[in-house]
Amino acid sequence: MELKTYVMAEIHVQSKKQSSNASWIWIIAALLVAAALVYYLMNRNKEQEATPAIPPAASKLEPKVRPQQPQHNEPFIPVVYMRSV
């Protein structure tokens, strides 16, 4: 009679690794930074509108009257001289 030998395989079972919570921390941190940026940009515009703009001294002067354009009796063709570089 013939003896049969069976070999048993070892099976190593590991529990499933839990996903780390570090990714959630980074997501929340990114959302907080984005919210702070939006808040800053919205309040910056409100502050600029609230402060009265003081016009510079030059704008208080009355504008000078422009001289009239010369009247040409014949068509005016400007001559442009170009030089090669």
C-alpha atoms as a PDB file:
ATOM      1  CA  MET A   1       0.000   0.000   0.000  1.00  0.00           C
ATOM      2  CA  GLU A   2       1.222   3.342  -0.934  1.00  0.00           C
ATOM      3  CA  LEU A   3       1.358   6.256   1.486  1.00  0.00           C
ATOM      4  CA  LYS A   4       0.314   9.603   0.159  1.00  0.00           C
ATOM      5  CA  THR A   5       1.700  12.677   1.771  1.00  0.00           C
ATOM      6  CA  TYR A   6      -0.112  15.925   1.602  1.00  0.00           C
ATOM      7  CA  VAL A   7       1.630  19.227   2.042  1.00  0.00           C
ATOM      8  CA  MET A   8      -0.303  21.905   3.811  1.00  0.00           C
ATOM      9  CA  ALA A   9       0.217  25.478   2.697  1.00  0.00           C
ATOM     10  CA  GLU A  10       0.639  28.215   5.245  1.00  0.00           C
ATOM     11  CA  ILE A  11      -1.764  31.063   4.817  1.00  0.00           C
ATOM     12  CA  HIS A  12      -0.976  34.363   6.465  1.00  0.00           C
ATOM     13  CA  VAL A  13      -4.075  36.477   6.985  1.00  0.00           C
ATOM     14  CA  GLN A  14      -3.672  40.141   7.788  1.00  0.00           C
ATOM     15  CA  SER A  15      -6.426  42.468   8.751  1.00  0.00           C
ATOM     16  CA  LYS A  16      -7.250  45.235   6.299  1.00  0.00           C
ATOM     17  CA  LYS A  17      -5.283  48.378   7.035  1.00  0.00           C
ATOM     18  CA  GLN A  18      -7.402  51.314   8.013  1.00  0.00           C
ATOM     19  CA  SER A  19      -6.945  54.367   5.828  1.00  0.00           C
ATOM     20  CA  SER A  20      -5.099  57.018   7.732  1.00  0.00           C
ATOM     21  CA  ASN A  21      -6.902  60.132   8.845  1.00  0.00           C
ATOM     22  CA  ALA A  22      -4.022  62.297   7.619  1.00  0.00           C
ATOM     23  CA  SER A  23      -5.680  62.698   4.222  1.00  0.00           C
ATOM     24  CA  TRP A  24      -8.797  64.174   5.835  1.00  0.00           C
ATOM     25  CA  ILE A  25      -6.663  66.614   7.783  1.00  0.00           C
ATOM     26  CA  TRP A  26      -5.015  67.843   4.557  1.00  0.00           C
ATOM     27  CA  ILE A  27      -8.390  68.194   2.823  1.00  0.00           C
ATOM     28  CA  ILE A  28      -9.837  70.217   5.703  1.00  0.00           C
ATOM     29  CA  ALA A  29      -6.687  72.370   5.884  1.00  0.00           C
ATOM     30  CA  ALA A  30      -6.906  73.109   2.138  1.00  0.00           C
ATOM     31  CA  LEU A  31     -10.586  74.069   2.467  1.00  0.00           C
ATOM     32  CA  LEU A  32      -9.789  76.385   5.383  1.00  0.00           C
ATOM     33  CA  VAL A  33      -7.022  78.091   3.399  1.00  0.00           C
ATOM     34  CA  ALA A  34      -9.332  78.531   0.405  1.00  0.00           C
ATOM     35  CA  ALA A  35     -12.095  79.960   2.614  1.00  0.00           C
ATOM     36  CA  ALA A  36      -9.640  82.389   4.261  1.00  0.00           C
ATOM     37  CA  LEU A  37      -8.449  83.538   0.827  1.00  0.00           C
ATOM     38  CA  VAL A  38     -11.999  84.157  -0.389  1.00  0.00           C
ATOM     39  CA  TYR A  39     -12.843  86.010   2.841  1.00  0.00           C
ATOM     40  CA  TYR A  40      -9.746  88.206   2.491  1.00  0.00           C
ATOM     41  CA  LEU A  41     -10.471  89.059  -1.148  1.00  0.00           C
ATOM     42  CA  MET A  42     -14.100  89.949  -0.401  1.00  0.00           C
ATOM     43  CA  ASN A  43     -13.233  92.158   2.587  1.00  0.00           C
ATOM     44  CA  ARG A  44     -10.374  93.851   0.751  1.00  0.00           C
ATOM     45  CA  ASN A  45     -12.784  95.112  -1.913  1.00  0.00           C
ATOM     46  CA  LYS A  46     -15.197  96.401   0.760  1.00  0.00           C
ATOM     47  CA  GLU A  47     -12.394  98.304   2.523  1.00  0.00           C
ATOM     48  CA  GLN A  48     -11.341  99.984  -0.719  1.00  0.00           C
ATOM     49  CA  GLU A  49     -14.915 101.078  -1.423  1.00  0.00           C
ATOM     50  CA  ALA A  50     -15.397 102.384   2.138  1.00  0.00           C
ATOM     51  CA  THR A  51     -12.352 104.660   2.139  1.00  0.00           C
ATOM     52  CA  PRO A  52     -13.049 107.884   0.257  1.00  0.00           C
ATOM     53  CA  ALA A  53     -10.655 108.400  -2.577  1.00  0.00           C
ATOM     54  CA  ILE A  54      -8.884 111.736  -2.278  1.00  0.00           C
ATOM     55  CA  PRO A  55      -8.353 113.159  -5.740  1.00  0.00           C
ATOM     56  CA  PRO A  56      -4.820 114.280  -6.511  1.00  0.00           C
ATOM     57  CA  ALA A  57      -4.089 118.003  -6.631  1.00  0.00           C
ATOM     58  CA  ALA A  58      -3.701 117.963 -10.419  1.00  0.00           C
ATOM     59  CA  SER A  59      -7.300 116.852 -10.918  1.00  0.00           C
ATOM     60  CA  LYS A  60      -8.603 119.908  -9.050  1.00  0.00           C
ATOM     61  CA  LEU A  61      -7.306 122.186 -11.790  1.00  0.00           C
ATOM     62  CA  GLU A  62      -9.661 123.102 -14.557  1.00  0.00           C
ATOM     63  CA  PRO A  63      -8.767 121.502 -17.874  1.00  0.00           C
ATOM     64  CA  LYS A  64      -7.366 123.782 -20.551  1.00  0.00           C
ATOM     65  CA  VAL A  65      -9.234 124.236 -23.788  1.00  0.00           C
ATOM     66  CA  ARG A  66      -7.728 122.225 -26.599  1.00  0.00           C
ATOM     67  CA  PRO A  67      -6.683 124.111 -29.696  1.00  0.00           C
ATOM     68  CA  GLN A  68      -8.781 123.512 -32.761  1.00  0.00           C
ATOM     69  CA  GLN A  69      -7.577 121.063 -35.345  1.00  0.00           C
ATOM     70  CA  PRO A  70      -6.211 122.717 -38.502  1.00  0.00           C
ATOM     71  CA  GLN A  71      -8.638 122.706 -41.411  1.00  0.00           C
ATOM     72  CA  HIS A  72      -7.226 121.242 -44.629  1.00  0.00           C
ATOM     73  CA  ASN A  73      -8.711 122.149 -47.967  1.00  0.00           C
ATOM     74  CA  GLU A  74      -7.356 119.043 -49.639  1.00  0.00           C
ATOM     75  CA  PRO A  75      -7.035 115.487 -48.353  1.00  0.00           C
ATOM     76  CA  PHE A  76      -4.263 115.146 -45.806  1.00  0.00           C
ATOM     77  CA  ILE A  77      -1.950 112.177 -46.277  1.00  0.00           C
ATOM     78  CA  PRO A  78       0.634 111.769 -43.566  1.00  0.00           C
ATOM     79  CA  VAL A  79       4.077 110.781 -44.775  1.00  0.00           C
ATOM     80  CA  VAL A  80       5.842 108.199 -42.685  1.00  0.00           C
ATOM     81  CA  TYR A  81       9.511 107.589 -43.245  1.00  0.00           C
ATOM     82  CA  MET A  82      10.751 104.145 -42.334  1.00  0.00           C
ATOM     83  CA  ARG A  83      14.286 103.015 -42.104  1.00  0.00           C
ATOM     84  CA  SER A  84      15.569  99.487 -42.213  1.00  0.00           C
ATOM     85  CA  VAL A  85      17.297  98.128 -39.205  1.00  0.00           C
END
